[in-house]
Amino acid sequence: MIASFSWPRLHRVLPALDWLRRQRVPLALAALALLAWPLRSVLEASMSLHMLVQFPLVIALGCVLAGALPARWRERTQGWNTYGIAGLTACALVLSVLMIPRLLDLALVHPVVAAGKWLALLACGAALQLSWRRAGLVVQGFFLGNVLPMMGVAGQLYQDSPLRLCNAYLLQDQLWLGQALVVLAVAVAVVWIAAAMRSLMRSSQTLPAEAQP
């Protein structure tokens, strides 16, 4: 009865998912246009929304656009992006620069800085898309071992500073952002460790079967 009940739903969902996959580039560009114009003032009105909502959304759109590249284009990056090291290193550098409070202020008033921020976030998402699976657990751990402590330290500095680090945002918003960055760093670390342990357990279970003649 469960199979007969769930199959019609699955039959209706699969074409919709296939349509979304085929239309992911125009949908991603449309979402980027929404973020860049009507939603930009809303998301950049708060320091927390600016860094914790706008940044991840633009990075995610960069992942989507890079994932739609032809396979031959993605294969060309393997020569300079062995094990995803170059891409993840560039991504870590971009994120470290974008955490500087002064940059948030400049991105609000200087169009050139704003455009550079958006391009850097899209490139960061593309680098993650092209590098994450290639990296493997060791390189992934090295990448997160640099980015997450940096995020936690930045969050603690936002909380401990008695002065506003961004002239455009209130001190209370800075405090909320600092707390959220620390929580987010810990959450990402826990999720990745759990996923890594699950992957290692699966590998250890399938290894004996593969080793058999």
C-alpha atoms as a PDB file:
ATOM      1  CA  MET A   1       0.000   0.000   0.000  1.00  0.00           C
ATOM      2  CA  ILE A   2       2.892   2.343   0.747  1.00  0.00           C
ATOM      3  CA  ALA A   3       4.446   1.660  -2.656  1.00  0.00           C
ATOM      4  CA  SER A   4       1.153   2.220  -4.476  1.00  0.00           C
ATOM      5  CA  PHE A   5       0.612   5.448  -2.545  1.00  0.00           C
ATOM      6  CA  SER A   6       4.107   6.869  -3.003  1.00  0.00           C
ATOM      7  CA  TRP A   7       4.607   5.976  -6.685  1.00  0.00           C
ATOM      8  CA  PRO A   8       2.093   8.491  -8.097  1.00  0.00           C
ATOM      9  CA  ARG A   9       3.716  11.228  -6.062  1.00  0.00           C
ATOM     10  CA  LEU A  10       7.153  10.164  -7.277  1.00  0.00           C
ATOM     11  CA  HIS A  11       5.836  10.004 -10.844  1.00  0.00           C
ATOM     12  CA  ARG A  12       4.729  13.636 -10.555  1.00  0.00           C
ATOM     13  CA  VAL A  13       7.881  14.868  -8.799  1.00  0.00           C
ATOM     14  CA  LEU A  14      10.482  13.367 -11.142  1.00  0.00           C
ATOM     15  CA  PRO A  15       9.486  15.433 -14.230  1.00  0.00           C
ATOM     16  CA  ALA A  16       9.545  18.583 -12.118  1.00  0.00           C
ATOM     17  CA  LEU A  17      13.033  17.750 -10.819  1.00  0.00           C
ATOM     18  CA  ASP A  18      14.231  16.993 -14.334  1.00  0.00           C
ATOM     19  CA  TRP A  19      12.830  20.330 -15.548  1.00  0.00           C
ATOM     20  CA  LEU A  20      14.600  22.151 -12.717  1.00  0.00           C
ATOM     21  CA  ARG A  21      17.863  20.433 -13.601  1.00  0.00           C
ATOM     22  CA  ARG A  22      17.572  21.410 -17.275  1.00  0.00           C
ATOM     23  CA  GLN A  23      16.591  24.990 -16.441  1.00  0.00           C
ATOM     24  CA  ARG A  24      19.078  25.492 -13.613  1.00  0.00           C
ATOM     25  CA  VAL A  25      21.159  28.085 -15.487  1.00  0.00           C
ATOM     26  CA  PRO A  26      18.315  30.514 -16.328  1.00  0.00           C
ATOM     27  CA  LEU A  27      16.814  29.953 -12.877  1.00  0.00           C
ATOM     28  CA  ALA A  28      20.176  30.665 -11.227  1.00  0.00           C
ATOM     29  CA  LEU A  29      20.636  33.820 -13.305  1.00  0.00           C
ATOM     30  CA  ALA A  30      17.115  34.956 -12.426  1.00  0.00           C
ATOM     31  CA  ALA A  31      17.799  34.353  -8.723  1.00  0.00           C
ATOM     32  CA  LEU A  32      21.067  36.262  -9.044  1.00  0.00           C
ATOM     33  CA  ALA A  33      19.219  39.182 -10.610  1.00  0.00           C
ATOM     34  CA  LEU A  34      16.729  39.169  -7.732  1.00  0.00           C
ATOM     35  CA  LEU A  35      19.536  39.179  -5.179  1.00  0.00           C
ATOM     36  CA  ALA A  36      21.383  41.946  -7.005  1.00  0.00           C
ATOM     37  CA  TRP A  37      18.475  44.333  -7.354  1.00  0.00           C
ATOM     38  CA  PRO A  38      15.144  44.055  -5.467  1.00  0.00           C
ATOM     39  CA  LEU A  39      16.457  41.962  -2.573  1.00  0.00           C
ATOM     40  CA  ARG A  40      19.848  43.594  -2.226  1.00  0.00           C
ATOM     41  CA  SER A  41      18.675  46.504  -0.067  1.00  0.00           C
ATOM     42  CA  VAL A  42      16.796  44.123   2.225  1.00  0.00           C
ATOM     43  CA  LEU A  43      19.706  41.729   2.729  1.00  0.00           C
ATOM     44  CA  GLU A  44      22.322  44.458   3.079  1.00  0.00           C
ATOM     45  CA  ALA A  45      20.247  46.402   5.624  1.00  0.00           C
ATOM     46  CA  SER A  46      21.475  44.020   8.328  1.00  0.00           C
ATOM     47  CA  MET A  47      25.033  42.890   8.966  1.00  0.00           C
ATOM     48  CA  SER A  48      23.793  39.385   9.813  1.00  0.00           C
ATOM     49  CA  LEU A  49      21.694  39.098   6.650  1.00  0.00           C
ATOM     50  CA  HIS A  50      24.521  40.531   4.583  1.00  0.00           C
ATOM     51  CA  MET A  51      27.068  37.933   5.629  1.00  0.00           C
ATOM     52  CA  LEU A  52      24.939  34.934   6.644  1.00  0.00           C
ATOM     53  CA  VAL A  53      22.241  35.042   3.949  1.00  0.00           C
ATOM     54  CA  GLN A  54      23.474  37.025   0.945  1.00  0.00           C
ATOM     55  CA  PHE A  55      26.965  35.538   0.952  1.00  0.00           C
ATOM     56  CA  PRO A  56      25.854  31.855   1.069  1.00  0.00           C
ATOM     57  CA  LEU A  57      23.128  32.412  -1.521  1.00  0.00           C
ATOM     58  CA  VAL A  58      25.518  33.972  -4.041  1.00  0.00           C
ATOM     59  CA  ILE A  59      28.074  31.212  -3.359  1.00  0.00           C
ATOM     60  CA  ALA A  60      25.358  28.597  -3.922  1.00  0.00           C
ATOM     61  CA  LEU A  61      24.435  30.212  -7.246  1.00  0.00           C
ATOM     62  CA  GLY A  62      28.097  30.079  -8.233  1.00  0.00           C
ATOM     63  CA  CYS A  63      28.033  26.344  -7.471  1.00  0.00           C
ATOM     64  CA  VAL A  64      24.933  25.886  -9.631  1.00  0.00           C
ATOM     65  CA  LEU A  65      26.381  27.793 -12.578  1.00  0.00           C
ATOM     66  CA  ALA A  66      29.703  25.942 -12.405  1.00  0.00           C
ATOM     67  CA  GLY A  67      27.874  22.621 -12.188  1.00  0.00           C
ATOM     68  CA  ALA A  68      26.147  23.397 -15.495  1.00  0.00           C
ATOM     69  CA  LEU A  69      29.450  23.810 -17.348  1.00  0.00           C
ATOM     70  CA  PRO A  70      30.154  21.244 -20.071  1.00  0.00           C
ATOM     71  CA  ALA A  71      32.104  18.213 -18.907  1.00  0.00           C
ATOM     72  CA  ARG A  72      35.078  19.042 -21.133  1.00  0.00           C
ATOM     73  CA  TRP A  73      35.395  22.463 -19.510  1.00  0.00           C
ATOM     74  CA  ARG A  74      35.391  20.931 -16.050  1.00  0.00           C
ATOM     75  CA  GLU A  75      37.980  18.393 -17.121  1.00  0.00           C
ATOM     76  CA  ARG A  76      40.316  21.181 -18.247  1.00  0.00           C
ATOM     77  CA  THR A  77      40.539  22.424 -14.666  1.00  0.00           C
ATOM     78  CA  GLN A  78      42.045  19.142 -13.468  1.00  0.00           C
ATOM     79  CA  GLY A  79      45.494  20.121 -14.721  1.00  0.00           C
ATOM     80  CA  TRP A  80      45.799  23.079 -12.350  1.00  0.00           C
ATOM     81  CA  ASN A  81      43.350  21.935  -9.687  1.00  0.00           C
ATOM     82  CA  THR A  82      44.769  18.579  -8.654  1.00  0.00           C
ATOM     83  CA  TYR A  83      42.822  17.162  -5.693  1.00  0.00           C
ATOM     84  CA  GLY A  84      40.945  20.477  -5.582  1.00  0.00           C
ATOM     85  CA  ILE A  85      43.840  22.146  -3.760  1.00  0.00           C
ATOM     86  CA  ALA A  86      44.042  25.268  -5.924  1.00  0.00           C
ATOM     87  CA  GLY A  87      40.296  25.840  -5.933  1.00  0.00           C
ATOM     88  CA  LEU A  88      39.824  25.387  -2.201  1.00  0.00           C
ATOM     89  CA  THR A  89      42.868  27.546  -1.444  1.00  0.00           C
ATOM     90  CA  ALA A  90      41.438  30.349  -3.581  1.00  0.00           C
ATOM     91  CA  CYS A  91      38.071  29.909  -1.879  1.00  0.00           C
ATOM     92  CA  ALA A  92      39.665  30.172   1.578  1.00  0.00           C
ATOM     93  CA  LEU A  93      41.470  33.366   0.562  1.00  0.00           C
ATOM     94  CA  VAL A  94      38.258  34.908  -0.778  1.00  0.00           C
ATOM     95  CA  LEU A  95      36.334  34.085   2.394  1.00  0.00           C
ATOM     96  CA  SER A  96      39.101  35.479   4.605  1.00  0.00           C
ATOM     97  CA  VAL A  97      39.047  38.789   2.713  1.00  0.00           C
ATOM     98  CA  LEU A  98      35.250  39.020   2.719  1.00  0.00           C
ATOM     99  CA  MET A  99      35.166  38.685   6.510  1.00  0.00           C
ATOM    100  CA  ILE A 100      36.965  42.023   6.887  1.00  0.00           C
ATOM    101  CA  PRO A 101      34.377  44.478   8.258  1.00  0.00           C
ATOM    102  CA  ARG A 102      35.732  47.394   6.261  1.00  0.00           C
ATOM    103  CA  LEU A 103      34.949  45.539   3.059  1.00  0.00           C
ATOM    104  CA  LEU A 104      31.280  45.323   4.004  1.00  0.00           C
ATOM    105  CA  ASP A 105      31.181  49.093   4.449  1.00  0.00           C
ATOM    106  CA  LEU A 106      32.897  49.724   1.123  1.00  0.00           C
ATOM    107  CA  ALA A 107      30.610  47.277  -0.704  1.00  0.00           C
ATOM    108  CA  LEU A 108      27.609  49.368   0.352  1.00  0.00           C
ATOM    109  CA  VAL A 109      28.855  52.650  -1.091  1.00  0.00           C
ATOM    110  CA  HIS A 110      31.321  51.814  -3.897  1.00  0.00           C
ATOM    111  CA  PRO A 111      29.875  50.055  -6.961  1.00  0.00           C
ATOM    112  CA  VAL A 112      33.288  48.731  -7.996  1.00  0.00           C
ATOM    113  CA  VAL A 113      33.845  47.100  -4.599  1.00  0.00           C
ATOM    114  CA  ALA A 114      30.299  45.725  -4.649  1.00  0.00           C
ATOM    115  CA  ALA A 115      30.808  44.218  -8.103  1.00  0.00           C
ATOM    116  CA  GLY A 116      34.108  42.714  -6.971  1.00  0.00           C
ATOM    117  CA  LYS A 117      32.404  41.193  -3.947  1.00  0.00           C
ATOM    118  CA  TRP A 118      29.713  39.560  -6.076  1.00  0.00           C
ATOM    119  CA  LEU A 119      32.214  38.213  -8.605  1.00  0.00           C
ATOM    120  CA  ALA A 120      34.419  36.885  -5.801  1.00  0.00           C
ATOM    121  CA  LEU A 121      31.465  35.085  -4.186  1.00  0.00           C
ATOM    122  CA  LEU A 122      30.416  33.547  -7.506  1.00  0.00           C
ATOM    123  CA  ALA A 123      34.004  32.446  -8.137  1.00  0.00           C
ATOM    124  CA  CYS A 124      34.136  31.001  -4.628  1.00  0.00           C
ATOM    125  CA  GLY A 125      31.024  28.933  -5.338  1.00  0.00           C
ATOM    126  CA  ALA A 126      32.448  27.779  -8.667  1.00  0.00           C
ATOM    127  CA  ALA A 127      35.692  26.762  -6.963  1.00  0.00           C
ATOM    128  CA  LEU A 128      33.783  24.728  -4.392  1.00  0.00           C
ATOM    129  CA  GLN A 129      31.765  22.993  -7.120  1.00  0.00           C
ATOM    130  CA  LEU A 130      34.882  22.097  -9.117  1.00  0.00           C
ATOM    131  CA  SER A 131      37.073  21.168  -6.152  1.00  0.00           C
ATOM    132  CA  TRP A 132      35.092  19.676  -3.269  1.00  0.00           C
ATOM    133  CA  ARG A 133      34.592  16.132  -4.540  1.00  0.00           C
ATOM    134  CA  ARG A 134      38.071  15.984  -6.024  1.00  0.00           C
ATOM    135  CA  ALA A 135      39.606  17.031  -2.745  1.00  0.00           C
ATOM    136  CA  GLY A 136      38.781  13.963  -0.679  1.00  0.00           C
ATOM    137  CA  LEU A 137      38.558  13.911   3.082  1.00  0.00           C
ATOM    138  CA  VAL A 138      42.155  14.945   3.788  1.00  0.00           C
ATOM    139  CA  VAL A 139      42.120  18.119   1.678  1.00  0.00           C
ATOM    140  CA  GLN A 140      38.554  18.904   2.739  1.00  0.00           C
ATOM    141  CA  GLY A 141      39.619  18.650   6.374  1.00  0.00           C
ATOM    142  CA  PHE A 142      42.608  20.901   5.751  1.00  0.00           C
ATOM    143  CA  PHE A 143      40.376  23.477   4.050  1.00  0.00           C
ATOM    144  CA  LEU A 144      37.765  23.458   6.816  1.00  0.00           C
ATOM    145  CA  GLY A 145      40.509  23.387   9.440  1.00  0.00           C
ATOM    146  CA  ASN A 146      41.612  26.781   8.157  1.00  0.00           C
ATOM    147  CA  VAL A 147      38.273  28.390   7.306  1.00  0.00           C
ATOM    148  CA  LEU A 148      36.197  27.364  10.332  1.00  0.00           C
ATOM    149  CA  PRO A 149      38.663  28.531  13.037  1.00  0.00           C
ATOM    150  CA  MET A 150      39.022  31.793  11.118  1.00  0.00           C
ATOM    151  CA  MET A 151      35.240  32.129  11.118  1.00  0.00           C
ATOM    152  CA  GLY A 152      35.088  31.388  14.838  1.00  0.00           C
ATOM    153  CA  VAL A 153      37.824  33.902  15.650  1.00  0.00           C
ATOM    154  CA  ALA A 154      36.107  36.563  13.542  1.00  0.00           C
ATOM    155  CA  GLY A 155      32.845  35.846  15.326  1.00  0.00           C
ATOM    156  CA  GLN A 156      34.494  36.166  18.725  1.00  0.00           C
ATOM    157  CA  LEU A 157      36.118  39.457  17.723  1.00  0.00           C
ATOM    158  CA  TYR A 158      32.739  40.790  16.621  1.00  0.00           C
ATOM    159  CA  GLN A 159      31.335  39.892  20.034  1.00  0.00           C
ATOM    160  CA  ASP A 160      34.230  41.250  22.098  1.00  0.00           C
ATOM    161  CA  SER A 161      34.680  44.558  20.286  1.00  0.00           C
ATOM    162  CA  PRO A 162      33.159  47.471  22.263  1.00  0.00           C
ATOM    163  CA  LEU A 163      33.058  49.552  19.074  1.00  0.00           C
ATOM    164  CA  ARG A 164      31.227  49.139  15.803  1.00  0.00           C
ATOM    165  CA  LEU A 165      33.522  47.509  13.269  1.00  0.00           C
ATOM    166  CA  CYS A 166      31.184  48.441  10.417  1.00  0.00           C
ATOM    167  CA  ASN A 167      29.988  52.048  10.326  1.00  0.00           C
ATOM    168  CA  ALA A 168      26.843  51.027   8.445  1.00  0.00           C
ATOM    169  CA  TYR A 169      25.582  48.570  11.058  1.00  0.00           C
ATOM    170  CA  LEU A 170      24.559  48.741  14.705  1.00  0.00           C
ATOM    171  CA  LEU A 171      26.603  47.258  17.526  1.00  0.00           C
ATOM    172  CA  GLN A 172      23.789  44.857  18.441  1.00  0.00           C
ATOM    173  CA  ASP A 173      23.703  43.484  14.907  1.00  0.00           C
ATOM    174  CA  GLN A 174      27.465  43.005  15.082  1.00  0.00           C
ATOM    175  CA  LEU A 175      27.007  41.027  18.315  1.00  0.00           C
ATOM    176  CA  TRP A 176      24.355  38.791  16.723  1.00  0.00           C
ATOM    177  CA  LEU A 177      26.582  38.168  13.722  1.00  0.00           C
ATOM    178  CA  GLY A 178      29.502  37.220  15.956  1.00  0.00           C
ATOM    179  CA  GLN A 179      27.403  34.706  17.867  1.00  0.00           C
ATOM    180  CA  ALA A 180      25.989  33.263  14.653  1.00  0.00           C
ATOM    181  CA  LEU A 181      29.452  32.866  13.095  1.00  0.00           C
ATOM    182  CA  VAL A 182      30.701  30.866  16.091  1.00  0.00           C
ATOM    183  CA  VAL A 183      27.608  28.637  16.070  1.00  0.00           C
ATOM    184  CA  LEU A 184      27.853  28.165  12.307  1.00  0.00           C
ATOM    185  CA  ALA A 185      31.532  27.211  12.479  1.00  0.00           C
ATOM    186  CA  VAL A 186      30.825  24.578  15.126  1.00  0.00           C
ATOM    187  CA  ALA A 187      27.773  23.261  13.241  1.00  0.00           C
ATOM    188  CA  VAL A 188      29.665  22.894   9.952  1.00  0.00           C
ATOM    189  CA  ALA A 189      32.509  21.107  11.733  1.00  0.00           C
ATOM    190  CA  VAL A 190      30.116  18.658  13.407  1.00  0.00           C
ATOM    191  CA  VAL A 191      28.254  17.946  10.158  1.00  0.00           C
ATOM    192  CA  TRP A 192      31.454  17.401   8.198  1.00  0.00           C
ATOM    193  CA  ILE A 193      32.969  15.130  10.856  1.00  0.00           C
ATOM    194  CA  ALA A 194      29.783  13.054  10.935  1.00  0.00           C
ATOM    195  CA  ALA A 195      29.754  12.804   7.132  1.00  0.00           C
ATOM    196  CA  ALA A 196      33.453  11.903   7.066  1.00  0.00           C
ATOM    197  CA  MET A 197      32.987   9.160   9.659  1.00  0.00           C
ATOM    198  CA  ARG A 198      30.030   7.771   7.726  1.00  0.00           C
ATOM    199  CA  SER A 199      32.059   7.758   4.514  1.00  0.00           C
ATOM    200  CA  LEU A 200      34.967   5.990   6.219  1.00  0.00           C
ATOM    201  CA  MET A 201      32.642   3.382   7.700  1.00  0.00           C
ATOM    202  CA  ARG A 202      31.122   2.692   4.287  1.00  0.00           C
ATOM    203  CA  SER A 203      34.580   2.377   2.764  1.00  0.00           C
ATOM    204  CA  SER A 204      35.684  -0.072   5.456  1.00  0.00           C
ATOM    205  CA  GLN A 205      32.570  -2.180   4.853  1.00  0.00           C
ATOM    206  CA  THR A 206      32.954  -2.347   1.070  1.00  0.00           C
ATOM    207  CA  LEU A 207      36.730  -2.892   1.045  1.00  0.00           C
ATOM    208  CA  PRO A 208      36.687  -6.634   1.942  1.00  0.00           C
ATOM    209  CA  ALA A 209      34.120  -7.363  -0.752  1.00  0.00           C
ATOM    210  CA  GLU A 210      36.146  -5.550  -3.387  1.00  0.00           C
ATOM    211  CA  ALA A 211      39.324  -7.273  -2.299  1.00  0.00           C
ATOM    212  CA  GLN A 212      37.857 -10.725  -2.934  1.00  0.00           C
ATOM    213  CA  PRO A 213      38.963 -12.407  -6.212  1.00  0.00           C
END
